[in-house]
C-alpha cells in the first residue's frame, strides 16, 4: 500500500473568519435599531399603564374626599387639585389644592406642579420609565386659556397623544393634558 500523506485541516482560514465577523457585524447593525424601537414601545406602554393607574387612584380619592367635591361655585372655579402618584409605591401624595386660580402656586417638595410636570414630561421624552405622575383634577374657567389649563377635567403630566408622542413639547406650554375629546383623555 502506498501511503500518501493526508493533509489535515486544523482551523479556519483568515478569509473564513473575516466573512463570519462581517456577517455578525451586519446582524448586530440591523438588530440594534429593532431592539431600541421595541424597548421604546415597552417604555411607552409602561408609562401609559402607570398614567391610567394614577388617573384611577386620583379620581377615586377626589370623589371620596368631600372637601374636594366643591369644585364649582356657579361657573367659577374655586378649587382644583393636583395629586402626585408614586409609581413604585402605587400611592398618591396628599392633595395639593389650587385656590383662587393660582395654578403656579401649587407646590410639591418646593417645586411648582407645572415645573415638576415639565421635568417628568422631559423624562418621558428621553425614554425613561416614570417614577412619578402628576394628576390634575378640575375644570377650565376659560377654554381658550391653554397656558394654565385646558377643557379636560382630568389631566396628567406627562401625557401621550393619540400617536404615542409626549404631548408637552417644551417651553412655556402647559405640560398637562390631553385636551378634551382626545382618545387618551380621561
Protein backbone atom coordinates (compact mmCIF):
# COMPACT_ATOMS: atom_id res chain seq x y z
CA UNK A 1 0.00 0.00 0.00
CA UNK A 2 1.11 3.38 -0.97
CA UNK A 3 0.75 5.75 1.87
CA UNK A 4 0.18 9.26 0.85
CA UNK A 5 0.39 11.99 3.31
CA UNK A 6 -3.04 13.34 4.02
CA UNK A 7 -3.05 16.94 4.97
CA UNK A 8 -5.46 17.57 7.82
CA UNK A 9 -7.26 20.83 8.15
CA UNK A 10 -6.93 22.10 11.70
CA UNK A 11 -8.63 25.50 11.64
CA UNK A 12 -10.33 28.21 9.68
CA UNK A 13 -8.63 30.38 7.17
CA UNK A 14 -8.36 34.11 7.70
CA UNK A 15 -10.85 34.71 4.88
CA UNK A 16 -13.43 32.44 6.53
CA UNK A 17 -13.04 34.22 9.86
CA UNK A 18 -13.41 37.63 8.21
CA UNK A 19 -16.62 36.53 6.50
CA UNK A 20 -18.08 35.34 9.82
CA UNK A 21 -17.10 38.59 11.57
CA UNK A 22 -18.65 40.63 8.75
CA UNK A 23 -21.91 38.66 8.95
CA UNK A 24 -22.09 39.08 12.73
CA UNK A 25 -21.42 42.81 12.35
CA UNK A 26 -24.23 43.17 9.82
CA UNK A 27 -26.66 41.29 12.07
CA UNK A 28 -25.76 43.49 15.04
CA UNK A 29 -26.15 46.66 12.95
CA UNK A 30 -29.62 45.53 11.87
CA UNK A 31 -30.78 44.34 15.29
CA UNK A 32 -29.80 47.37 17.43
CA UNK A 33 -32.44 49.72 15.94
CA UNK A 34 -35.06 46.96 16.17
CA UNK A 35 -34.31 46.29 19.84
CA UNK A 36 -34.19 50.02 20.58
CA UNK A 37 -37.61 50.54 18.98
CA UNK A 38 -39.06 47.61 20.94
CA UNK A 39 -37.61 48.99 24.16
CA UNK A 40 -39.20 52.39 23.49
CA UNK A 41 -42.57 50.72 22.80
CA UNK A 42 -42.27 48.90 26.13
CA UNK A 43 -41.44 52.15 27.97
CA UNK A 44 -44.43 53.91 26.38
CA UNK A 45 -46.76 51.02 27.25
CA UNK A 46 -45.47 51.00 30.84
CA UNK A 47 -45.86 54.77 31.21
CA UNK A 48 -49.36 54.71 29.72
CA UNK A 49 -50.42 51.92 32.11
CA UNK A 50 -49.00 53.89 35.04
CA UNK A 51 -50.82 57.03 33.87
CA UNK A 52 -54.11 55.10 33.78
CA UNK A 53 -53.44 53.80 37.31
CA UNK A 54 -52.61 57.33 38.51
CA UNK A 55 -55.82 58.72 37.00
CA UNK A 56 -57.90 55.97 38.60
CA UNK A 57 -56.32 56.47 42.02
CA UNK A 58 -56.65 60.27 41.88
CA UNK A 59 -60.25 60.12 40.66
CA UNK A 60 -61.20 57.70 43.44
CA UNK A 61 -59.53 59.93 46.03
CA UNK A 62 -61.10 63.06 44.58
CA UNK A 63 -64.64 61.69 44.69
CA UNK A 64 -64.23 60.15 48.14
CA UNK A 65 -62.96 63.42 49.67
CA UNK A 66 -65.89 65.72 50.47
CA UNK A 67 -63.57 68.75 50.77
CA UNK A 68 -62.65 68.40 47.09
CA UNK A 69 -66.10 67.87 45.63
CA UNK A 70 -67.00 71.56 45.78
CA UNK A 71 -65.00 72.38 42.65
CA UNK A 72 -67.52 74.82 41.22
CA UNK A 73 -69.43 77.68 42.72
CA UNK A 74 -71.71 78.53 39.83
CA UNK A 75 -69.39 78.90 36.83
CA UNK A 76 -66.35 80.00 38.81
CA UNK A 77 -63.52 77.62 39.58
CA UNK A 78 -62.97 77.71 43.33
CA UNK A 79 -60.87 74.61 43.85
CA UNK A 80 -58.84 72.27 41.75
CA UNK A 81 -56.45 69.60 42.93
CA UNK A 82 -53.13 68.09 42.00
CA UNK A 83 -52.10 64.63 43.09
CA UNK A 84 -48.59 63.20 42.79
CA UNK A 85 -48.70 59.46 42.08
CA UNK A 86 -45.66 57.46 43.21
CA UNK A 87 -45.36 54.65 40.67
CA UNK A 88 -43.18 52.35 42.81
CA UNK A 89 -45.39 52.68 45.89
CA UNK A 90 -48.66 52.85 43.96
CA UNK A 91 -49.78 55.67 46.27
CA UNK A 92 -50.90 59.27 45.97
CA UNK A 93 -49.40 62.21 47.79
CA UNK A 94 -51.56 64.37 49.97
CA UNK A 95 -53.85 66.52 47.88
CA UNK A 96 -52.38 69.80 46.63
CA UNK A 97 -55.26 72.27 46.38
CA UNK A 98 -55.37 75.16 43.95
CA UNK A 99 -57.15 78.17 45.35
CA UNK A 100 -58.19 81.34 43.55
CA UNK A 101 -56.89 80.12 40.18
CA UNK A 102 -53.27 80.26 41.39
CA UNK A 103 -52.04 77.23 39.43
CA UNK A 104 -48.38 78.24 39.67
CA UNK A 105 -48.72 78.49 43.45
CA UNK A 106 -49.40 74.77 43.77
CA UNK A 107 -46.16 73.34 45.19
CA UNK A 108 -44.82 69.84 45.82
CA UNK A 109 -41.49 69.46 47.62
CA UNK A 110 -40.57 73.06 46.84
CA UNK A 111 -41.37 72.92 43.11
CA UNK A 112 -44.43 74.17 41.32
CA UNK A 113 -46.56 71.37 39.90
CA UNK A 114 -46.12 72.86 36.41
CA UNK A 115 -42.31 72.76 36.74
CA UNK A 116 -42.43 69.18 38.03
CA UNK A 117 -44.81 68.28 35.18
CA UNK A 118 -42.34 69.66 32.64
CA UNK A 119 -39.48 67.69 34.22
CA UNK A 120 -41.49 64.46 34.15
CA UNK A 121 -42.51 65.10 30.54
CA UNK A 122 -38.85 65.55 29.59
CA UNK A 123 -38.03 62.23 31.28
CA UNK A 124 -40.71 60.52 29.18
CA UNK A 125 -39.40 62.23 26.02
CA UNK A 126 -35.96 60.78 26.83
CA UNK A 127 -37.42 57.27 27.00
CA UNK A 128 -37.41 56.82 30.77
CA UNK A 129 -39.95 54.86 32.78
CA UNK A 130 -41.54 57.41 35.09
CA UNK A 131 -41.29 57.21 38.86
CA UNK A 132 -43.96 59.87 39.43
CA UNK A 133 -47.03 61.12 37.58
CA UNK A 134 -48.97 64.29 38.35
CA UNK A 135 -52.75 64.22 38.04
CA UNK A 136 -54.73 67.46 37.86
CA UNK A 137 -58.46 67.37 38.51
CA UNK A 138 -60.51 70.49 37.90
CA UNK A 139 -62.22 72.33 35.08
CA UNK A 140 -61.06 75.21 32.97
CA UNK A 141 -62.70 78.53 33.58
CA UNK A 142 -61.83 79.59 30.03
CA UNK A 143 -61.45 77.02 27.25
CA UNK A 144 -59.03 79.31 25.39
CA UNK A 145 -56.61 79.60 28.34
CA UNK A 146 -54.19 76.86 27.24
CA UNK A 147 -51.29 78.23 29.29
CA UNK A 148 -52.71 77.32 32.67
CA UNK A 149 -55.33 74.71 31.91
CA UNK A 150 -57.44 73.11 29.22
CA UNK A 151 -61.04 71.93 28.96
CA UNK A 152 -60.32 68.33 30.02
CA UNK A 153 -61.37 67.74 33.64
CA UNK A 154 -58.69 65.11 34.37
CA UNK A 155 -55.21 65.79 33.07
CA UNK A 156 -51.80 64.28 33.68
CA UNK A 157 -48.21 65.30 33.30
CA UNK A 158 -46.80 63.75 31.31
CA UNK A 159 -49.41 62.63 28.82
CA UNK A 160 -49.34 60.85 25.49
CA UNK A 161 -51.11 61.92 22.30
CA UNK A 162 -53.08 59.58 20.06
CA UNK A 163 -49.81 58.94 18.16
CA UNK A 164 -47.94 57.80 21.31
CA UNK A 165 -45.97 61.04 21.41
CA UNK A 166 -45.48 63.11 24.55
CA UNK A 167 -47.95 65.99 24.35
CA UNK A 168 -45.66 68.54 26.00
CA UNK A 169 -43.02 69.80 23.58
CA UNK A 170 -41.12 72.20 25.83
CA UNK A 171 -41.07 75.89 26.51
CA UNK A 172 -43.81 77.67 28.42
CA UNK A 173 -46.61 75.40 27.24
CA UNK A 174 -48.88 73.70 29.72
CA UNK A 175 -47.36 70.27 30.50
CA UNK A 176 -50.78 68.84 31.39
CA UNK A 177 -53.16 67.12 29.03
CA UNK A 178 -54.66 65.64 26.98
CA UNK A 179 -57.26 68.01 25.64
CA UNK A 180 -60.91 67.12 25.87
CA UNK A 181 -62.03 64.89 23.01
CA UNK A 182 -58.71 63.07 22.64
CA UNK A 183 -58.94 59.29 22.77
CA UNK A 184 -56.32 59.43 25.55
CA UNK A 185 -58.39 61.87 27.65
CA UNK A 186 -59.58 60.57 30.98
